[in-house]
Every structure is written in C-alpha cells, then in structure tokens.
Amino acid sequence: MAFAVQSSLLALQGVQVAFLLLHDWVPLGRLSNLAAVRASDATGKLLVVTLLSALPSALLFGVCCWFGPGTRWPGWVQSWLW
C-alpha cells in the first residue's frame, strides 16, 4: 500500500477508536444520548461495555501502528482490515 493510503487508514482508524471510546461518555450532539445511556446502565457496567466494544478496533489500530505506514503490512493484517 502507498504511504498516503496507509497514513489515511491509520488516521481513520484512530477516529473510529476514539469515537468508540467516547460516544457513551462525552456529549457528541446527535451522535450520543448520554441520558439514555446513564438510565440504562450503571457506571461500572458502562465502563466494561465500552472497553469490550472498543477492544477489537483498538487492537487492530495498535497492530497497524506497530507496523507503521510505509511498510508492507502482513496478509493477516490486510485481511483483518477488509
């Protein structure tokens, strides 16, 4: 993959991971409904659910950052991205 494509992909993955970690905790306009989240789940449960839902994306983001842009990512990383 070209350096620009990999860099763009890493940036988009970072945005996705940030959104997954923050959307139940920070008011994001129409993208989040904090009152409904707080009414349905206790803080401890919400923390666990947030971390578990963000874990796969965060792991993939970490692996992609480990290999970095400009290097050829292994086939299993590319398959995981698709």
C-alpha atoms as a PDB file:
ATOM      1  CA  MET A   1       0.000   0.000   0.000  1.00  0.00           C
ATOM      2  CA  ALA A   2       1.150   3.508  -0.650  1.00  0.00           C
ATOM      3  CA  PHE A   3       2.318   5.637   2.269  1.00  0.00           C
ATOM      4  CA  ALA A   4      -0.528   8.151   1.856  1.00  0.00           C
ATOM      5  CA  VAL A   5      -3.178   5.419   1.829  1.00  0.00           C
ATOM      6  CA  GLN A   6      -1.750   3.762   4.937  1.00  0.00           C
ATOM      7  CA  SER A   7      -1.474   7.095   6.734  1.00  0.00           C
ATOM      8  CA  SER A   8      -5.079   7.921   5.876  1.00  0.00           C
ATOM      9  CA  LEU A   9      -6.210   4.500   7.029  1.00  0.00           C
ATOM     10  CA  LEU A  10      -4.390   4.927  10.342  1.00  0.00           C
ATOM     11  CA  ALA A  11      -5.997   8.338  10.855  1.00  0.00           C
ATOM     12  CA  LEU A  12      -9.463   6.934  10.154  1.00  0.00           C
ATOM     13  CA  GLN A  13      -8.856   4.020  12.497  1.00  0.00           C
ATOM     14  CA  GLY A  14      -7.794   6.463  15.201  1.00  0.00           C
ATOM     15  CA  VAL A  15     -11.030   8.409  14.740  1.00  0.00           C
ATOM     16  CA  GLN A  16     -13.050   5.192  14.938  1.00  0.00           C
ATOM     17  CA  VAL A  17     -11.344   4.048  18.140  1.00  0.00           C
ATOM     18  CA  ALA A  18     -11.769   7.493  19.699  1.00  0.00           C
ATOM     19  CA  PHE A  19     -15.466   7.501  18.804  1.00  0.00           C
ATOM     20  CA  LEU A  20     -16.000   4.028  20.258  1.00  0.00           C
ATOM     21  CA  LEU A  21     -14.301   5.049  23.499  1.00  0.00           C
ATOM     22  CA  LEU A  22     -16.032   8.404  23.875  1.00  0.00           C
ATOM     23  CA  HIS A  23     -19.561   8.177  22.467  1.00  0.00           C
ATOM     24  CA  ASP A  24     -21.124   6.917  25.727  1.00  0.00           C
ATOM     25  CA  TRP A  25     -19.149   9.312  27.943  1.00  0.00           C
ATOM     26  CA  VAL A  26     -18.889  12.670  26.137  1.00  0.00           C
ATOM     27  CA  PRO A  27     -21.788  14.620  24.633  1.00  0.00           C
ATOM     28  CA  LEU A  28     -21.418  14.388  20.852  1.00  0.00           C
ATOM     29  CA  GLY A  29     -24.604  16.121  19.778  1.00  0.00           C
ATOM     30  CA  ARG A  30     -26.960  13.822  17.922  1.00  0.00           C
ATOM     31  CA  LEU A  31     -24.336  11.063  17.848  1.00  0.00           C
ATOM     32  CA  SER A  32     -24.831  10.233  21.520  1.00  0.00           C
ATOM     33  CA  ASN A  33     -27.654  10.176  24.050  1.00  0.00           C
ATOM     34  CA  LEU A  34     -25.986  10.299  27.438  1.00  0.00           C
ATOM     35  CA  ALA A  35     -29.229  10.495  29.414  1.00  0.00           C
ATOM     36  CA  ALA A  36     -30.485   7.229  27.934  1.00  0.00           C
ATOM     37  CA  VAL A  37     -27.135   5.517  28.461  1.00  0.00           C
ATOM     38  CA  ARG A  38     -26.954   6.607  32.094  1.00  0.00           C
ATOM     39  CA  ALA A  39     -30.552   5.497  32.693  1.00  0.00           C
ATOM     40  CA  SER A  40     -29.990   2.011  31.309  1.00  0.00           C
ATOM     41  CA  ASP A  41     -26.520   1.089  32.653  1.00  0.00           C
ATOM     42  CA  ALA A  42     -24.540   1.642  35.829  1.00  0.00           C
ATOM     43  CA  THR A  43     -21.137   3.296  35.505  1.00  0.00           C
ATOM     44  CA  GLY A  44     -19.194   0.076  36.107  1.00  0.00           C
ATOM     45  CA  LYS A  45     -21.149  -1.848  33.505  1.00  0.00           C
ATOM     46  CA  LEU A  46     -20.840   1.021  31.055  1.00  0.00           C
ATOM     47  CA  LEU A  47     -17.066   1.062  31.502  1.00  0.00           C
ATOM     48  CA  VAL A  48     -16.802  -2.672  30.811  1.00  0.00           C
ATOM     49  CA  VAL A  49     -19.104  -2.475  27.777  1.00  0.00           C
ATOM     50  CA  THR A  50     -17.167   0.485  26.375  1.00  0.00           C
ATOM     51  CA  LEU A  51     -13.813  -1.243  26.735  1.00  0.00           C
ATOM     52  CA  LEU A  52     -15.057  -4.537  25.297  1.00  0.00           C
ATOM     53  CA  SER A  53     -16.684  -2.885  22.296  1.00  0.00           C
ATOM     54  CA  ALA A  54     -13.581  -0.829  21.522  1.00  0.00           C
ATOM     55  CA  LEU A  55     -11.101  -3.674  22.075  1.00  0.00           C
ATOM     56  CA  PRO A  56     -11.088  -5.230  18.559  1.00  0.00           C
ATOM     57  CA  SER A  57     -10.723  -1.864  16.825  1.00  0.00           C
ATOM     58  CA  ALA A  58      -8.092  -0.708  19.313  1.00  0.00           C
ATOM     59  CA  LEU A  59      -6.078  -3.905  18.826  1.00  0.00           C
ATOM     60  CA  LEU A  60      -6.193  -3.545  15.064  1.00  0.00           C
ATOM     61  CA  PHE A  61      -5.198   0.110  15.343  1.00  0.00           C
ATOM     62  CA  GLY A  62      -2.287  -0.831  17.603  1.00  0.00           C
ATOM     63  CA  VAL A  63      -1.082  -3.538  15.223  1.00  0.00           C
ATOM     64  CA  CYS A  64      -1.274  -1.179  12.261  1.00  0.00           C
ATOM     65  CA  CYS A  65       0.634   1.479  14.205  1.00  0.00           C
ATOM     66  CA  TRP A  66       3.231  -1.132  15.170  1.00  0.00           C
ATOM     67  CA  PHE A  67       3.961  -1.904  11.525  1.00  0.00           C
ATOM     68  CA  GLY A  68       3.523   1.757  10.637  1.00  0.00           C
ATOM     69  CA  PRO A  69       2.843   3.439   7.319  1.00  0.00           C
ATOM     70  CA  GLY A  70       5.370   2.895   4.586  1.00  0.00           C
ATOM     71  CA  THR A  71       5.938  -0.804   5.333  1.00  0.00           C
ATOM     72  CA  ARG A  72       4.114  -3.715   3.781  1.00  0.00           C
ATOM     73  CA  TRP A  73       1.561  -4.988   6.253  1.00  0.00           C
ATOM     74  CA  PRO A  74       1.321  -8.774   6.597  1.00  0.00           C
ATOM     75  CA  GLY A  75      -1.516 -10.538   4.837  1.00  0.00           C
ATOM     76  CA  TRP A  76      -3.382 -11.303   8.063  1.00  0.00           C
ATOM     77  CA  VAL A  77      -3.457  -7.584   8.938  1.00  0.00           C
ATOM     78  CA  GLN A  78      -4.800  -6.693   5.493  1.00  0.00           C
ATOM     79  CA  SER A  79      -7.436  -9.435   5.759  1.00  0.00           C
ATOM     80  CA  TRP A  80      -8.456  -8.190   9.190  1.00  0.00           C
ATOM     81  CA  LEU A  81      -8.819  -4.672   7.776  1.00  0.00           C
ATOM     82  CA  TRP A  82     -11.090  -5.887   4.991  1.00  0.00           C
END
